[in-house]
Amino acid sequence: METTEKKIADMTIEETFAALDALIDQLESGKGSLEDAFKNYEEGMKLVKSCNEKIEKIEKQILVLGGESLEDTNNGQYF
């Protein structure tokens, strides 16, 4: 399962998590070559990065809607 970076950018968070789940299943099955495992790992890391970026964007939007600034959240620390 190889997705392009453009396709990853177009995925919703739910689609990204589903793609990650599929990659995890493939890696955990132990089927395939070591080279395939490295490709899947690399693809998974791209998906994780995309998820993190999308979640951060949504968090910022929520803060704006709530009338808070980033400084009000103690530099992103909630606890």
N, C-alpha and C. Protein backbone atom coordinates (compact mmCIF):
# COMPACT_ATOMS: atom_id res chain seq x y z
N MET A 1 0.86 -1.18 0.00
CA MET A 1 0.00 0.00 0.00
C MET A 1 0.90 1.23 0.00
N GLU A 2 1.02 1.83 -1.15
CA GLU A 2 1.87 3.00 -1.23
C GLU A 2 1.04 4.18 -1.69
N THR A 3 1.01 5.21 -0.88
CA THR A 3 0.25 6.41 -1.23
C THR A 3 1.23 7.54 -1.50
N THR A 4 0.83 8.42 -2.38
CA THR A 4 1.68 9.56 -2.66
C THR A 4 1.45 10.63 -1.60
N GLU A 5 2.41 11.54 -1.48
CA GLU A 5 2.28 12.60 -0.48
C GLU A 5 1.09 13.49 -0.79
N LYS A 6 0.80 13.71 -2.07
CA LYS A 6 -0.38 14.52 -2.42
C LYS A 6 -1.64 13.81 -1.97
N LYS A 7 -1.72 12.51 -2.19
CA LYS A 7 -2.90 11.77 -1.78
C LYS A 7 -3.05 11.80 -0.26
N ILE A 8 -1.94 11.67 0.47
CA ILE A 8 -1.98 11.72 1.93
C ILE A 8 -2.51 13.08 2.38
N ALA A 9 -2.09 14.14 1.74
CA ALA A 9 -2.54 15.48 2.11
C ALA A 9 -4.04 15.65 1.89
N ASP A 10 -4.59 14.91 0.92
CA ASP A 10 -6.01 15.02 0.61
C ASP A 10 -6.88 14.13 1.50
N MET A 11 -6.26 13.24 2.28
CA MET A 11 -7.02 12.31 3.11
C MET A 11 -7.60 13.01 4.32
N THR A 12 -8.76 12.53 4.76
CA THR A 12 -9.30 13.01 6.03
C THR A 12 -8.53 12.31 7.16
N ILE A 13 -8.72 12.79 8.37
CA ILE A 13 -8.05 12.16 9.50
C ILE A 13 -8.50 10.70 9.62
N GLU A 14 -9.78 10.45 9.42
CA GLU A 14 -10.31 9.10 9.51
C GLU A 14 -9.69 8.18 8.46
N GLU A 15 -9.54 8.69 7.23
CA GLU A 15 -8.91 7.91 6.17
C GLU A 15 -7.44 7.63 6.49
N THR A 16 -6.78 8.62 7.07
CA THR A 16 -5.38 8.45 7.44
C THR A 16 -5.22 7.39 8.51
N PHE A 17 -6.10 7.41 9.52
CA PHE A 17 -6.05 6.37 10.56
C PHE A 17 -6.33 4.99 9.97
N ALA A 18 -7.27 4.91 9.05
CA ALA A 18 -7.59 3.62 8.42
C ALA A 18 -6.38 3.10 7.63
N ALA A 19 -5.70 3.98 6.92
CA ALA A 19 -4.51 3.58 6.17
C ALA A 19 -3.41 3.12 7.14
N LEU A 20 -3.28 3.83 8.25
CA LEU A 20 -2.30 3.41 9.26
C LEU A 20 -2.64 2.03 9.82
N ASP A 21 -3.90 1.81 10.11
CA ASP A 21 -4.33 0.49 10.62
C ASP A 21 -3.98 -0.62 9.63
N ALA A 22 -4.21 -0.36 8.35
CA ALA A 22 -3.90 -1.36 7.32
C ALA A 22 -2.39 -1.64 7.28
N LEU A 23 -1.59 -0.59 7.37
CA LEU A 23 -0.13 -0.78 7.37
C LEU A 23 0.32 -1.54 8.60
N ILE A 24 -0.25 -1.23 9.75
CA ILE A 24 0.10 -1.92 10.98
C ILE A 24 -0.24 -3.41 10.86
N ASP A 25 -1.40 -3.70 10.31
CA ASP A 25 -1.79 -5.09 10.11
C ASP A 25 -0.79 -5.82 9.23
N GLN A 26 -0.36 -5.17 8.15
CA GLN A 26 0.62 -5.78 7.26
C GLN A 26 1.94 -6.02 7.98
N LEU A 27 2.40 -5.04 8.75
CA LEU A 27 3.66 -5.19 9.47
C LEU A 27 3.57 -6.28 10.53
N GLU A 28 2.45 -6.33 11.24
CA GLU A 28 2.29 -7.32 12.30
C GLU A 28 2.13 -8.73 11.76
N SER A 29 1.66 -8.87 10.53
CA SER A 29 1.47 -10.20 9.95
C SER A 29 2.80 -10.89 9.70
N GLY A 30 3.84 -10.09 9.49
CA GLY A 30 5.16 -10.66 9.22
C GLY A 30 5.32 -11.17 7.81
N LYS A 31 4.29 -10.98 7.01
CA LYS A 31 4.36 -11.43 5.62
C LYS A 31 5.06 -10.35 4.79
N GLY A 32 5.74 -10.80 3.78
CA GLY A 32 6.44 -9.86 2.91
C GLY A 32 7.91 -9.79 3.28
N SER A 33 8.64 -9.12 2.44
CA SER A 33 10.09 -9.02 2.63
C SER A 33 10.44 -7.90 3.60
N LEU A 34 11.67 -7.89 4.01
CA LEU A 34 12.17 -6.83 4.88
C LEU A 34 12.09 -5.49 4.16
N GLU A 35 12.35 -5.51 2.86
CA GLU A 35 12.25 -4.29 2.06
C GLU A 35 10.82 -3.75 2.07
N ASP A 36 9.84 -4.63 1.96
CA ASP A 36 8.43 -4.22 2.02
C ASP A 36 8.11 -3.62 3.39
N ALA A 37 8.65 -4.23 4.44
CA ALA A 37 8.42 -3.72 5.79
C ALA A 37 8.97 -2.31 5.94
N PHE A 38 10.16 -2.06 5.39
CA PHE A 38 10.73 -0.71 5.46
C PHE A 38 9.89 0.29 4.68
N LYS A 39 9.39 -0.12 3.52
CA LYS A 39 8.53 0.77 2.74
C LYS A 39 7.24 1.08 3.51
N ASN A 40 6.68 0.05 4.12
CA ASN A 40 5.45 0.26 4.91
C ASN A 40 5.73 1.16 6.11
N TYR A 41 6.86 0.97 6.75
CA TYR A 41 7.23 1.81 7.89
C TYR A 41 7.37 3.27 7.45
N GLU A 42 8.06 3.48 6.34
CA GLU A 42 8.23 4.84 5.82
C GLU A 42 6.88 5.48 5.49
N GLU A 43 6.02 4.70 4.86
CA GLU A 43 4.68 5.19 4.52
C GLU A 43 3.89 5.52 5.79
N GLY A 44 4.02 4.66 6.78
CA GLY A 44 3.34 4.90 8.06
C GLY A 44 3.80 6.17 8.72
N MET A 45 5.09 6.44 8.66
CA MET A 45 5.61 7.67 9.27
C MET A 45 5.08 8.91 8.55
N LYS A 46 4.92 8.82 7.23
CA LYS A 46 4.32 9.93 6.48
C LYS A 46 2.86 10.15 6.93
N LEU A 47 2.16 9.05 7.13
CA LEU A 47 0.77 9.15 7.57
C LEU A 47 0.67 9.73 8.98
N VAL A 48 1.57 9.32 9.88
CA VAL A 48 1.58 9.85 11.25
C VAL A 48 1.85 11.36 11.22
N LYS A 49 2.81 11.76 10.41
CA LYS A 49 3.14 13.19 10.30
C LYS A 49 1.92 13.98 9.80
N SER A 50 1.25 13.43 8.81
CA SER A 50 0.05 14.09 8.27
C SER A 50 -1.03 14.20 9.33
N CYS A 51 -1.24 13.13 10.10
CA CYS A 51 -2.24 13.15 11.18
C CYS A 51 -1.91 14.24 12.19
N ASN A 52 -0.66 14.29 12.60
CA ASN A 52 -0.25 15.29 13.59
C ASN A 52 -0.49 16.70 13.08
N GLU A 53 -0.16 16.95 11.82
CA GLU A 53 -0.36 18.28 11.25
C GLU A 53 -1.86 18.63 11.20
N LYS A 54 -2.68 17.67 10.82
CA LYS A 54 -4.12 17.93 10.74
C LYS A 54 -4.72 18.16 12.12
N ILE A 55 -4.29 17.39 13.09
CA ILE A 55 -4.79 17.56 14.46
C ILE A 55 -4.37 18.91 15.02
N GLU A 56 -3.12 19.31 14.79
CA GLU A 56 -2.66 20.62 15.26
C GLU A 56 -3.49 21.74 14.63
N LYS A 57 -3.78 21.62 13.34
CA LYS A 57 -4.58 22.63 12.64
C LYS A 57 -5.97 22.72 13.26
N ILE A 58 -6.58 21.59 13.54
CA ILE A 58 -7.91 21.58 14.15
C ILE A 58 -7.87 22.16 15.55
N GLU A 59 -6.83 21.82 16.33
CA GLU A 59 -6.70 22.38 17.68
C GLU A 59 -6.63 23.90 17.64
N LYS A 60 -5.87 24.43 16.68
CA LYS A 60 -5.76 25.89 16.54
C LYS A 60 -7.11 26.50 16.18
N GLN A 61 -7.85 25.84 15.31
CA GLN A 61 -9.17 26.34 14.93
C GLN A 61 -10.11 26.34 16.13
N ILE A 62 -10.03 25.31 16.95
CA ILE A 62 -10.87 25.24 18.15
C ILE A 62 -10.52 26.37 19.11
N LEU A 63 -9.23 26.64 19.27
CA LEU A 63 -8.81 27.73 20.15
C LEU A 63 -9.35 29.07 19.66
N VAL A 64 -9.28 29.28 18.34
CA VAL A 64 -9.78 30.53 17.77
C VAL A 64 -11.29 30.64 17.99
N LEU A 65 -12.00 29.56 17.76
CA LEU A 65 -13.45 29.58 17.97
C LEU A 65 -13.81 29.80 19.44
N GLY A 66 -12.95 29.31 20.33
CA GLY A 66 -13.19 29.48 21.76
C GLY A 66 -12.70 30.82 22.28
N GLY A 67 -12.12 31.64 21.42
CA GLY A 67 -11.65 32.96 21.81
C GLY A 67 -10.34 32.95 22.56
N GLU A 68 -9.61 31.85 22.52
CA GLU A 68 -8.33 31.78 23.20
C GLU A 68 -7.22 31.98 22.18
N SER A 69 -6.11 32.50 22.65
CA SER A 69 -4.93 32.58 21.81
C SER A 69 -3.98 31.48 22.23
N LEU A 70 -2.97 31.24 21.44
CA LEU A 70 -2.00 30.20 21.79
C LEU A 70 -1.29 30.53 23.09
N GLU A 71 -1.10 31.82 23.38
CA GLU A 71 -0.44 32.21 24.62
C GLU A 71 -1.31 31.87 25.84
N ASP A 72 -2.63 31.89 25.65
CA ASP A 72 -3.55 31.60 26.75
C ASP A 72 -3.51 30.13 27.17
N THR A 73 -2.97 29.28 26.30
CA THR A 73 -2.97 27.85 26.59
C THR A 73 -1.66 27.38 27.23
N ASN A 74 -0.86 28.31 27.72
CA ASN A 74 0.41 27.97 28.36
C ASN A 74 1.33 27.24 27.38
N ASN A 75 1.52 27.86 26.19
CA ASN A 75 2.38 27.33 25.14
C ASN A 75 1.98 25.92 24.72
N GLY A 76 0.70 25.68 24.62
CA GLY A 76 0.22 24.39 24.17
C GLY A 76 0.17 23.33 25.24
N GLN A 77 0.60 23.67 26.44
CA GLN A 77 0.56 22.71 27.55
C GLN A 77 -0.78 22.81 28.24
N TYR A 78 -1.51 21.72 28.26
CA TYR A 78 -2.84 21.73 28.86
C TYR A 78 -2.83 21.26 30.30
N PHE A 79 -1.74 20.60 30.72
CA PHE A 79 -1.66 20.07 32.06
C PHE A 79 -0.47 20.64 32.80
